[in-house]
mmCIF file of all heavy atoms, coordinates in Angstrom:
data_MODEL
# 
_entry.id   MODEL 
# 
loop_
_atom_site.group_PDB 
_atom_site.id 
_atom_site.type_symbol 
_atom_site.label_atom_id 
_atom_site.label_alt_id 
_atom_site.label_comp_id 
_atom_site.label_asym_id 
_atom_site.label_entity_id 
_atom_site.label_seq_id 
_atom_site.pdbx_PDB_ins_code 
_atom_site.Cartn_x 
_atom_site.Cartn_y 
_atom_site.Cartn_z 
_atom_site.occupancy 
_atom_site.B_iso_or_equiv 
_atom_site.pdbx_formal_charge 
_atom_site.auth_seq_id 
_atom_site.auth_comp_id 
_atom_site.auth_asym_id 
_atom_site.auth_atom_id 
_atom_site.pdbx_PDB_model_num 
ATOM 1   N N   . ALA A 1 1  ? 82.441  -42.079 -73.802 1.00 0.00 ? 1  ALA A N   1 
ATOM 2   C CA  . ALA A 1 1  ? 83.193  -43.366 -73.903 1.00 0.00 ? 1  ALA A CA  1 
ATOM 3   C C   . ALA A 1 1  ? 84.218  -43.332 -75.057 1.00 0.00 ? 1  ALA A C   1 
ATOM 4   O O   . ALA A 1 1  ? 84.049  -42.576 -75.965 1.00 0.00 ? 1  ALA A O   1 
ATOM 5   C CB  . ALA A 1 1  ? 82.180  -44.531 -74.081 1.00 0.00 ? 1  ALA A CB  1 
ATOM 6   N N   . GLY A 1 2  ? 85.206  -44.197 -74.911 1.00 0.00 ? 2  GLY A N   1 
ATOM 7   C CA  . GLY A 1 2  ? 86.246  -44.249 -75.901 1.00 0.00 ? 2  GLY A CA  1 
ATOM 8   C C   . GLY A 1 2  ? 86.037  -45.293 -76.965 1.00 0.00 ? 2  GLY A C   1 
ATOM 9   O O   . GLY A 1 2  ? 85.083  -46.038 -76.974 1.00 0.00 ? 2  GLY A O   1 
ATOM 10  N N   . ASP A 1 3  ? 86.976  -45.327 -77.920 1.00 0.00 ? 3  ASP A N   1 
ATOM 11  C CA  . ASP A 1 3  ? 86.921  -46.290 -79.013 1.00 0.00 ? 3  ASP A CA  1 
ATOM 12  C C   . ASP A 1 3  ? 87.892  -47.414 -78.885 1.00 0.00 ? 3  ASP A C   1 
ATOM 13  O O   . ASP A 1 3  ? 88.163  -48.135 -79.842 1.00 0.00 ? 3  ASP A O   1 
ATOM 14  C CB  . ASP A 1 3  ? 87.160  -45.517 -80.347 1.00 0.00 ? 3  ASP A CB  1 
ATOM 15  C CG  . ASP A 1 3  ? 88.528  -44.880 -80.409 1.00 0.00 ? 3  ASP A CG  1 
ATOM 16  O OD1 . ASP A 1 3  ? 89.307  -45.007 -79.438 1.00 0.00 ? 3  ASP A OD1 1 
ATOM 17  O OD2 . ASP A 1 3  ? 88.845  -44.217 -81.427 1.00 0.00 ? 3  ASP A OD2 1 
ATOM 18  N N   . GLY A 1 4  ? 88.491  -47.574 -77.694 1.00 0.00 ? 4  GLY A N   1 
ATOM 19  C CA  . GLY A 1 4  ? 89.412  -48.694 -77.482 1.00 0.00 ? 4  GLY A CA  1 
ATOM 20  C C   . GLY A 1 4  ? 90.854  -48.462 -77.854 1.00 0.00 ? 4  GLY A C   1 
ATOM 21  O O   . GLY A 1 4  ? 91.634  -49.413 -77.747 1.00 0.00 ? 4  GLY A O   1 
ATOM 22  N N   . HIS A 1 5  ? 91.193  -47.249 -78.252 1.00 0.00 ? 5  HIS A N   1 
ATOM 23  C CA  . HIS A 1 5  ? 92.610  -47.013 -78.612 1.00 0.00 ? 5  HIS A CA  1 
ATOM 24  C C   . HIS A 1 5  ? 93.531  -47.040 -77.386 1.00 0.00 ? 5  HIS A C   1 
ATOM 25  O O   . HIS A 1 5  ? 93.048  -46.725 -76.273 1.00 0.00 ? 5  HIS A O   1 
ATOM 26  C CB  . HIS A 1 5  ? 92.771  -45.790 -79.523 1.00 0.00 ? 5  HIS A CB  1 
ATOM 27  C CG  . HIS A 1 5  ? 92.723  -44.507 -78.803 1.00 0.00 ? 5  HIS A CG  1 
ATOM 28  N ND1 . HIS A 1 5  ? 91.527  -43.731 -78.634 1.00 0.00 ? 5  HIS A ND1 1 
ATOM 29  C CD2 . HIS A 1 5  ? 93.703  -43.776 -78.219 1.00 0.00 ? 5  HIS A CD2 1 
ATOM 30  C CE1 . HIS A 1 5  ? 91.871  -42.625 -78.007 1.00 0.00 ? 5  HIS A CE1 1 
ATOM 31  N NE2 . HIS A 1 5  ? 93.138  -42.586 -77.711 1.00 0.00 ? 5  HIS A NE2 1 
ATOM 32  N N   . PRO A 1 6  ? 94.810  -47.349 -77.542 1.00 0.00 ? 6  PRO A N   1 
ATOM 33  C CA  . PRO A 1 6  ? 95.712  -47.377 -76.443 1.00 0.00 ? 6  PRO A CA  1 
ATOM 34  C C   . PRO A 1 6  ? 96.086  -45.983 -75.945 1.00 0.00 ? 6  PRO A C   1 
ATOM 35  O O   . PRO A 1 6  ? 96.144  -45.057 -76.705 1.00 0.00 ? 6  PRO A O   1 
ATOM 36  C CB  . PRO A 1 6  ? 96.935  -48.076 -77.011 1.00 0.00 ? 6  PRO A CB  1 
ATOM 37  C CG  . PRO A 1 6  ? 96.905  -47.807 -78.446 1.00 0.00 ? 6  PRO A CG  1 
ATOM 38  C CD  . PRO A 1 6  ? 95.449  -47.754 -78.846 1.00 0.00 ? 6  PRO A CD  1 
ATOM 39  N N   . VAL A 1 7  ? 96.308  -45.933 -74.587 1.00 0.00 ? 7  VAL A N   1 
ATOM 40  C CA  . VAL A 1 7  ? 96.732  -44.632 -73.945 1.00 0.00 ? 7  VAL A CA  1 
ATOM 41  C C   . VAL A 1 7  ? 97.884  -44.918 -73.033 1.00 0.00 ? 7  VAL A C   1 
ATOM 42  O O   . VAL A 1 7  ? 97.833  -45.813 -72.185 1.00 0.00 ? 7  VAL A O   1 
ATOM 43  C CB  . VAL A 1 7  ? 95.554  -44.055 -73.122 1.00 0.00 ? 7  VAL A CB  1 
ATOM 44  C CG1 . VAL A 1 7  ? 95.979  -42.706 -72.512 1.00 0.00 ? 7  VAL A CG1 1 
ATOM 45  C CG2 . VAL A 1 7  ? 94.303  -43.849 -73.959 1.00 0.00 ? 7  VAL A CG2 1 
ATOM 46  N N   . LEU A 1 8  ? 98.978  -44.185 -73.274 1.00 0.00 ? 8  LEU A N   1 
ATOM 47  C CA  . LEU A 1 8  ? 100.158 -44.331 -72.393 1.00 0.00 ? 8  LEU A CA  1 
ATOM 48  C C   . LEU A 1 8  ? 100.098 -43.200 -71.392 1.00 0.00 ? 8  LEU A C   1 
ATOM 49  O O   . LEU A 1 8  ? 100.021 -42.034 -71.758 1.00 0.00 ? 8  LEU A O   1 
ATOM 50  C CB  . LEU A 1 8  ? 101.440 -44.199 -73.248 1.00 0.00 ? 8  LEU A CB  1 
ATOM 51  C CG  . LEU A 1 8  ? 102.786 -44.210 -72.538 1.00 0.00 ? 8  LEU A CG  1 
ATOM 52  C CD1 . LEU A 1 8  ? 102.942 -45.519 -71.739 1.00 0.00 ? 8  LEU A CD1 1 
ATOM 53  C CD2 . LEU A 1 8  ? 103.927 -44.031 -73.544 1.00 0.00 ? 8  LEU A CD2 1 
ATOM 54  N N   . VAL A 1 9  ? 100.212 -43.519 -70.080 1.00 0.00 ? 9  VAL A N   1 
ATOM 55  C CA  . VAL A 1 9  ? 100.115 -42.543 -68.982 1.00 0.00 ? 9  VAL A CA  1 
ATOM 56  C C   . VAL A 1 9  ? 101.460 -42.437 -68.284 1.00 0.00 ? 9  VAL A C   1 
ATOM 57  O O   . VAL A 1 9  ? 101.979 -43.429 -67.773 1.00 0.00 ? 9  VAL A O   1 
ATOM 58  C CB  . VAL A 1 9  ? 99.033  -42.938 -67.990 1.00 0.00 ? 9  VAL A CB  1 
ATOM 59  C CG1 . VAL A 1 9  ? 98.866  -41.839 -66.912 1.00 0.00 ? 9  VAL A CG1 1 
ATOM 60  C CG2 . VAL A 1 9  ? 97.691  -43.177 -68.690 1.00 0.00 ? 9  VAL A CG2 1 
ATOM 61  N N   . LEU A 1 10 ? 102.001 -41.203 -68.230 1.00 0.00 ? 10 LEU A N   1 
ATOM 62  C CA  . LEU A 1 10 ? 103.318 -41.005 -67.677 1.00 0.00 ? 10 LEU A CA  1 
ATOM 63  C C   . LEU A 1 10 ? 103.219 -40.263 -66.332 1.00 0.00 ? 10 LEU A C   1 
ATOM 64  O O   . LEU A 1 10 ? 102.554 -39.163 -66.244 1.00 0.00 ? 10 LEU A O   1 
ATOM 65  C CB  . LEU A 1 10 ? 104.168 -40.205 -68.637 1.00 0.00 ? 10 LEU A CB  1 
ATOM 66  C CG  . LEU A 1 10 ? 104.194 -40.693 -70.089 1.00 0.00 ? 10 LEU A CG  1 
ATOM 67  C CD1 . LEU A 1 10 ? 105.050 -39.790 -70.971 1.00 0.00 ? 10 LEU A CD1 1 
ATOM 68  C CD2 . LEU A 1 10 ? 104.704 -42.161 -70.133 1.00 0.00 ? 10 LEU A CD2 1 
ATOM 69  N N   . PRO A 1 11 ? 103.902 -40.749 -65.264 1.00 0.00 ? 11 PRO A N   1 
ATOM 70  C CA  . PRO A 1 11 ? 103.840 -40.143 -63.935 1.00 0.00 ? 11 PRO A CA  1 
ATOM 71  C C   . PRO A 1 11 ? 104.707 -38.875 -63.840 1.00 0.00 ? 11 PRO A C   1 
ATOM 72  O O   . PRO A 1 11 ? 105.547 -38.602 -64.659 1.00 0.00 ? 11 PRO A O   1 
ATOM 73  C CB  . PRO A 1 11 ? 104.273 -41.225 -63.052 1.00 0.00 ? 11 PRO A CB  1 
ATOM 74  C CG  . PRO A 1 11 ? 105.257 -41.916 -63.850 1.00 0.00 ? 11 PRO A CG  1 
ATOM 75  C CD  . PRO A 1 11 ? 104.724 -41.895 -65.284 1.00 0.00 ? 11 PRO A CD  1 
ATOM 76  N N   . GLY A 1 12 ? 104.469 -38.197 -62.738 1.00 0.00 ? 12 GLY A N   1 
ATOM 77  C CA  . GLY A 1 12 ? 105.278 -36.988 -62.425 1.00 0.00 ? 12 GLY A CA  1 
ATOM 78  C C   . GLY A 1 12 ? 106.598 -37.273 -61.727 1.00 0.00 ? 12 GLY A C   1 
ATOM 79  O O   . GLY A 1 12 ? 106.933 -38.464 -61.507 1.00 0.00 ? 12 GLY A O   1 
ATOM 80  N N   . LEU A 1 13 ? 107.321 -36.216 -61.398 1.00 0.00 ? 13 LEU A N   1 
ATOM 81  C CA  . LEU A 1 13 ? 108.617 -36.345 -60.803 1.00 0.00 ? 13 LEU A CA  1 
ATOM 82  C C   . LEU A 1 13 ? 108.523 -37.157 -59.476 1.00 0.00 ? 13 LEU A C   1 
ATOM 83  O O   . LEU A 1 13 ? 107.676 -36.853 -58.660 1.00 0.00 ? 13 LEU A O   1 
ATOM 84  C CB  . LEU A 1 13 ? 109.246 -34.971 -60.562 1.00 0.00 ? 13 LEU A CB  1 
ATOM 85  C CG  . LEU A 1 13 ? 110.579 -34.914 -59.843 1.00 0.00 ? 13 LEU A CG  1 
ATOM 86  C CD1 . LEU A 1 13 ? 111.665 -35.517 -60.732 1.00 0.00 ? 13 LEU A CD1 1 
ATOM 87  C CD2 . LEU A 1 13 ? 110.908 -33.483 -59.484 1.00 0.00 ? 13 LEU A CD2 1 
ATOM 88  N N   . SER A 1 14 ? 109.398 -38.092 -59.296 1.00 0.00 ? 14 SER A N   1 
ATOM 89  C CA  . SER A 1 14 ? 109.562 -38.985 -58.109 1.00 0.00 ? 14 SER A CA  1 
ATOM 90  C C   . SER A 1 14 ? 108.385 -39.952 -57.995 1.00 0.00 ? 14 SER A C   1 
ATOM 91  O O   . SER A 1 14 ? 108.384 -40.799 -57.065 1.00 0.00 ? 14 SER A O   1 
ATOM 92  C CB  . SER A 1 14 ? 109.664 -38.160 -56.821 1.00 0.00 ? 14 SER A CB  1 
ATOM 93  O OG  . SER A 1 14 ? 108.408 -37.700 -56.375 1.00 0.00 ? 14 SER A OG  1 
ATOM 94  N N   . ALA A 1 15 ? 107.404 -39.889 -58.905 1.00 0.00 ? 15 ALA A N   1 
ATOM 95  C CA  . ALA A 1 15 ? 106.234 -40.793 -58.820 1.00 0.00 ? 15 ALA A CA  1 
ATOM 96  C C   . ALA A 1 15 ? 106.348 -41.947 -59.806 1.00 0.00 ? 15 ALA A C   1 
ATOM 97  O O   . ALA A 1 15 ? 107.141 -41.911 -60.772 1.00 0.00 ? 15 ALA A O   1 
ATOM 98  C CB  . ALA A 1 15 ? 104.924 -40.017 -59.069 1.00 0.00 ? 15 ALA A CB  1 
ATOM 99  N N   . GLY A 1 16 ? 105.565 -42.978 -59.596 1.00 0.00 ? 16 GLY A N   1 
ATOM 100 C CA  . GLY A 1 16 ? 105.569 -44.159 -60.469 1.00 0.00 ? 16 GLY A CA  1 
ATOM 101 C C   . GLY A 1 16 ? 104.199 -44.425 -60.896 1.00 0.00 ? 16 GLY A C   1 
ATOM 102 O O   . GLY A 1 16 ? 103.236 -43.702 -60.749 1.00 0.00 ? 16 GLY A O   1 
ATOM 103 N N   . ASP A 1 17 ? 104.011 -45.663 -61.448 1.00 0.00 ? 17 ASP A N   1 
ATOM 104 C CA  . ASP A 1 17 ? 102.718 -46.048 -62.023 1.00 0.00 ? 17 ASP A CA  1 
ATOM 105 C C   . ASP A 1 17 ? 101.617 -46.147 -61.022 1.00 0.00 ? 17 ASP A C   1 
ATOM 106 O O   . ASP A 1 17 ? 100.404 -45.987 -61.377 1.00 0.00 ? 17 ASP A O   1 
ATOM 107 C CB  . ASP A 1 17 ? 102.884 -47.378 -62.759 1.00 0.00 ? 17 ASP A CB  1 
ATOM 108 C CG  . ASP A 1 17 ? 103.602 -47.201 -64.108 1.00 0.00 ? 17 ASP A CG  1 
ATOM 109 O OD1 . ASP A 1 17 ? 103.570 -46.128 -64.690 1.00 0.00 ? 17 ASP A OD1 1 
ATOM 110 O OD2 . ASP A 1 17 ? 104.243 -48.212 -64.523 1.00 0.00 ? 17 ASP A OD2 1 
ATOM 111 N N   . ALA A 1 18 ? 101.961 -46.356 -59.715 1.00 0.00 ? 18 ALA A N   1 
ATOM 112 C CA  . ALA A 1 18 ? 100.904 -46.452 -58.687 1.00 0.00 ? 18 ALA A CA  1 
ATOM 113 C C   . ALA A 1 18 ? 100.113 -45.170 -58.610 1.00 0.00 ? 18 ALA A C   1 
ATOM 114 O O   . ALA A 1 18 ? 98.885  -45.214 -58.327 1.00 0.00 ? 18 ALA A O   1 
ATOM 115 C CB  . ALA A 1 18 ? 101.516 -46.831 -57.374 1.00 0.00 ? 18 ALA A CB  1 
ATOM 116 N N   . THR A 1 19 ? 100.755 -44.027 -58.828 1.00 0.00 ? 19 THR A N   1 
ATOM 117 C CA  . THR A 1 19 ? 100.047 -42.748 -58.701 1.00 0.00 ? 19 THR A CA  1 
ATOM 118 C C   . THR A 1 19 ? 99.067  -42.506 -59.813 1.00 0.00 ? 19 THR A C   1 
ATOM 119 O O   . THR A 1 19 ? 98.156  -41.750 -59.657 1.00 0.00 ? 19 THR A O   1 
ATOM 120 C CB  . THR A 1 19 ? 101.091 -41.611 -58.632 1.00 0.00 ? 19 THR A CB  1 
ATOM 121 O OG1 . THR A 1 19 ? 101.796 -41.598 -59.886 1.00 0.00 ? 19 THR A OG1 1 
ATOM 122 C CG2 . THR A 1 19 ? 102.015 -41.776 -57.460 1.00 0.00 ? 19 THR A CG2 1 
ATOM 123 N N   . THR A 1 20 ? 99.275  -43.175 -60.962 1.00 0.00 ? 20 THR A N   1 
ATOM 124 C CA  . THR A 1 20 ? 98.404  -42.963 -62.073 1.00 0.00 ? 20 THR A CA  1 
ATOM 125 C C   . THR A 1 20 ? 97.327  -44.038 -62.154 1.00 0.00 ? 20 THR A C   1 
ATOM 126 O O   . THR A 1 20 ? 96.590  -44.103 -63.117 1.00 0.00 ? 20 THR A O   1 
ATOM 127 C CB  . THR A 1 20 ? 99.141  -42.918 -63.439 1.00 0.00 ? 20 THR A CB  1 
ATOM 128 O OG1 . THR A 1 20 ? 99.817  -44.163 -63.659 1.00 0.00 ? 20 THR A OG1 1 
ATOM 129 C CG2 . THR A 1 20 ? 100.237 -41.816 -63.396 1.00 0.00 ? 20 THR A CG2 1 
ATOM 130 N N   . TYR A 1 21 ? 97.270  -44.931 -61.188 1.00 0.00 ? 21 TYR A N   1 
ATOM 131 C CA  . TYR A 1 21 ? 96.303  -46.076 -61.247 1.00 0.00 ? 21 TYR A CA  1 
ATOM 132 C C   . TYR A 1 21 ? 94.851  -45.551 -61.296 1.00 0.00 ? 21 TYR A C   1 
ATOM 133 O O   . TYR A 1 21 ? 94.099  -46.054 -62.116 1.00 0.00 ? 21 TYR A O   1 
ATOM 134 C CB  . TYR A 1 21 ? 96.500  -46.972 -60.042 1.00 0.00 ? 21 TYR A CB  1 
ATOM 135 C CG  . TYR A 1 21 ? 95.469  -48.092 -60.049 1.00 0.00 ? 21 TYR A CG  1 
ATOM 136 C CD1 . TYR A 1 21 ? 95.642  -49.167 -60.855 1.00 0.00 ? 21 TYR A CD1 1 
ATOM 137 C CD2 . TYR A 1 21 ? 94.330  -48.012 -59.277 1.00 0.00 ? 21 TYR A CD2 1 
ATOM 138 C CE1 . TYR A 1 21 ? 94.682  -50.212 -60.873 1.00 0.00 ? 21 TYR A CE1 1 
ATOM 139 C CE2 . TYR A 1 21 ? 93.358  -49.020 -59.286 1.00 0.00 ? 21 TYR A CE2 1 
ATOM 140 C CZ  . TYR A 1 21 ? 93.545  -50.095 -60.128 1.00 0.00 ? 21 TYR A CZ  1 
ATOM 141 O OH  . TYR A 1 21 ? 92.613  -51.124 -60.128 1.00 0.00 ? 21 TYR A OH  1 
ATOM 142 N N   . PRO A 1 22 ? 94.469  -44.574 -60.451 1.00 0.00 ? 22 PRO A N   1 
ATOM 143 C CA  . PRO A 1 22 ? 93.023  -44.064 -60.566 1.00 0.00 ? 22 PRO A CA  1 
ATOM 144 C C   . PRO A 1 22 ? 92.727  -43.550 -61.980 1.00 0.00 ? 22 PRO A C   1 
ATOM 145 O O   . PRO A 1 22 ? 91.637  -43.834 -62.480 1.00 0.00 ? 22 PRO A O   1 
ATOM 146 C CB  . PRO A 1 22 ? 92.980  -42.991 -59.520 1.00 0.00 ? 22 PRO A CB  1 
ATOM 147 C CG  . PRO A 1 22 ? 94.006  -43.318 -58.504 1.00 0.00 ? 22 PRO A CG  1 
ATOM 148 C CD  . PRO A 1 22 ? 95.147  -43.910 -59.359 1.00 0.00 ? 22 PRO A CD  1 
ATOM 149 N N   . LEU A 1 23 ? 93.601  -42.822 -62.562 1.00 0.00 ? 23 LEU A N   1 
ATOM 150 C CA  . LEU A 1 23 ? 93.414  -42.338 -63.926 1.00 0.00 ? 23 LEU A CA  1 
ATOM 151 C C   . LEU A 1 23 ? 93.290  -43.445 -64.927 1.00 0.00 ? 23 LEU A C   1 
ATOM 152 O O   . LEU A 1 23 ? 92.381  -43.491 -65.785 1.00 0.00 ? 23 LEU A O   1 
ATOM 153 C CB  . LEU A 1 23 ? 94.558  -41.392 -64.314 1.00 0.00 ? 23 LEU A CB  1 
ATOM 154 C CG  . LEU A 1 23 ? 94.621  -40.884 -65.783 1.00 0.00 ? 23 LEU A CG  1 
ATOM 155 C CD1 . LEU A 1 23 ? 93.290  -40.280 -66.176 1.00 0.00 ? 23 LEU A CD1 1 
ATOM 156 C CD2 . LEU A 1 23 ? 95.733  -39.924 -65.952 1.00 0.00 ? 23 LEU A CD2 1 
ATOM 157 N N   . ARG A 1 24 ? 94.178  -44.449 -64.797 1.00 0.00 ? 24 ARG A N   1 
ATOM 158 C CA  . ARG A 1 24 ? 94.184  -45.549 -65.758 1.00 0.00 ? 24 ARG A CA  1 
ATOM 159 C C   . ARG A 1 24 ? 92.867  -46.439 -65.518 1.00 0.00 ? 24 ARG A C   1 
ATOM 160 O O   . ARG A 1 24 ? 92.277  -46.916 -66.543 1.00 0.00 ? 24 ARG A O   1 
ATOM 161 C CB  . ARG A 1 24 ? 95.383  -46.371 -65.602 1.00 0.00 ? 24 ARG A CB  1 
ATOM 162 C CG  . ARG A 1 24 ? 96.631  -45.669 -66.208 1.00 0.00 ? 24 ARG A CG  1 
ATOM 163 C CD  . ARG A 1 24 ? 97.906  -46.492 -66.163 1.00 0.00 ? 24 ARG A CD  1 
ATOM 164 N NE  . ARG A 1 24 ? 98.477  -46.574 -64.836 1.00 0.00 ? 24 ARG A NE  1 
ATOM 165 C CZ  . ARG A 1 24 ? 98.633  -47.695 -64.137 1.00 0.00 ? 24 ARG A CZ  1 
ATOM 166 N NH1 . ARG A 1 24 ? 98.269  -48.861 -64.665 1.00 0.00 ? 24 ARG A NH1 1 
ATOM 167 N NH2 . ARG A 1 24 ? 99.158  -47.634 -62.967 1.00 0.00 ? 24 ARG A NH2 1 
ATOM 168 N N   . ALA A 1 25 ? 92.462  -46.546 -64.281 1.00 0.00 ? 25 ALA A N   1 
ATOM 169 C CA  . ALA A 1 25 ? 91.231  -47.315 -64.016 1.00 0.00 ? 25 ALA A CA  1 
ATOM 170 C C   . ALA A 1 25 ? 90.029  -46.612 -64.632 1.00 0.00 ? 25 ALA A C   1 
ATOM 171 O O   . ALA A 1 25 ? 89.159  -47.234 -65.198 1.00 0.00 ? 25 ALA A O   1 
ATOM 172 C CB  . ALA A 1 25 ? 91.040  -47.491 -62.505 1.00 0.00 ? 25 ALA A CB  1 
ATOM 173 N N   . PHE A 1 26 ? 90.012  -45.294 -64.531 1.00 0.00 ? 26 PHE A N   1 
ATOM 174 C CA  . PHE A 1 26 ? 88.907  -44.527 -65.130 1.00 0.00 ? 26 PHE A CA  1 
ATOM 175 C C   . PHE A 1 26 ? 88.910  -44.700 -66.633 1.00 0.00 ? 26 PHE A C   1 
ATOM 176 O O   . PHE A 1 26 ? 87.843  -44.895 -67.290 1.00 0.00 ? 26 PHE A O   1 
ATOM 177 C CB  . PHE A 1 26 ? 89.077  -43.029 -64.760 1.00 0.00 ? 26 PHE A CB  1 
ATOM 178 C CG  . PHE A 1 26 ? 88.254  -42.102 -65.568 1.00 0.00 ? 26 PHE A CG  1 
ATOM 179 C CD1 . PHE A 1 26 ? 86.856  -42.074 -65.353 1.00 0.00 ? 26 PHE A CD1 1 
ATOM 180 C CD2 . PHE A 1 26 ? 88.797  -41.285 -66.518 1.00 0.00 ? 26 PHE A CD2 1 
ATOM 181 C CE1 . PHE A 1 26 ? 86.074  -41.167 -66.126 1.00 0.00 ? 26 PHE A CE1 1 
ATOM 182 C CE2 . PHE A 1 26 ? 88.038  -40.392 -67.263 1.00 0.00 ? 26 PHE A CE2 1 
ATOM 183 C CZ  . PHE A 1 26 ? 86.662  -40.340 -67.063 1.00 0.00 ? 26 PHE A CZ  1 
ATOM 184 N N   . LEU A 1 27 ? 90.083  -44.603 -67.253 1.00 0.00 ? 27 LEU A N   1 
ATOM 185 C CA  . LEU A 1 27 ? 90.207  -44.763 -68.700 1.00 0.00 ? 27 LEU A CA  1 
ATOM 186 C C   . LEU A 1 27 ? 89.762  -46.173 -69.109 1.00 0.00 ? 27 LEU A C   1 
ATOM 187 O O   . LEU A 1 27 ? 89.109  -46.315 -70.196 1.00 0.00 ? 27 LEU A O   1 
ATOM 188 C CB  . LEU A 1 27 ? 91.640  -44.484 -69.181 1.00 0.00 ? 27 LEU A CB  1 
ATOM 189 C CG  . LEU A 1 27 ? 92.094  -43.042 -69.024 1.00 0.00 ? 27 LEU A CG  1 
ATOM 190 C CD1 . LEU A 1 27 ? 93.575  -42.921 -69.418 1.00 0.00 ? 27 LEU A CD1 1 
ATOM 191 C CD2 . LEU A 1 27 ? 91.281  -42.097 -69.867 1.00 0.00 ? 27 LEU A CD2 1 
ATOM 192 N N   . ARG A 1 28 ? 90.112  -47.157 -68.420 1.00 0.00 ? 28 ARG A N   1 
ATOM 193 C CA  . ARG A 1 28 ? 89.748  -48.517 -68.704 1.00 0.00 ? 28 ARG A CA  1 
ATOM 194 C C   . ARG A 1 28 ? 88.161  -48.652 -68.657 1.00 0.00 ? 28 ARG A C   1 
ATOM 195 O O   . ARG A 1 28 ? 87.555  -49.305 -69.542 1.00 0.00 ? 28 ARG A O   1 
ATOM 196 C CB  . ARG A 1 28 ? 90.343  -49.507 -67.766 1.00 0.00 ? 28 ARG A CB  1 
ATOM 197 C CG  . ARG A 1 28 ? 90.152  -50.976 -68.132 1.00 0.00 ? 28 ARG A CG  1 
ATOM 198 C CD  . ARG A 1 28 ? 90.973  -51.869 -67.226 1.00 0.00 ? 28 ARG A CD  1 
ATOM 199 N NE  . ARG A 1 28 ? 92.410  -51.621 -67.369 1.00 0.00 ? 28 ARG A NE  1 
ATOM 200 C CZ  . ARG A 1 28 ? 93.189  -51.058 -66.471 1.00 0.00 ? 28 ARG A CZ  1 
ATOM 201 N NH1 . ARG A 1 28 ? 92.680  -50.633 -65.307 1.00 0.00 ? 28 ARG A NH1 1 
ATOM 202 N NH2 . ARG A 1 28 ? 94.465  -50.859 -66.646 1.00 0.00 ? 28 ARG A NH2 1 
# 
């Protein structure tokens, strides 16, 4: 588990934030 610090997630070429949603949901 984490300590609550912020994490910025950057997508790949031609992709947007929707593609990183599973990763961000996991981190949350």
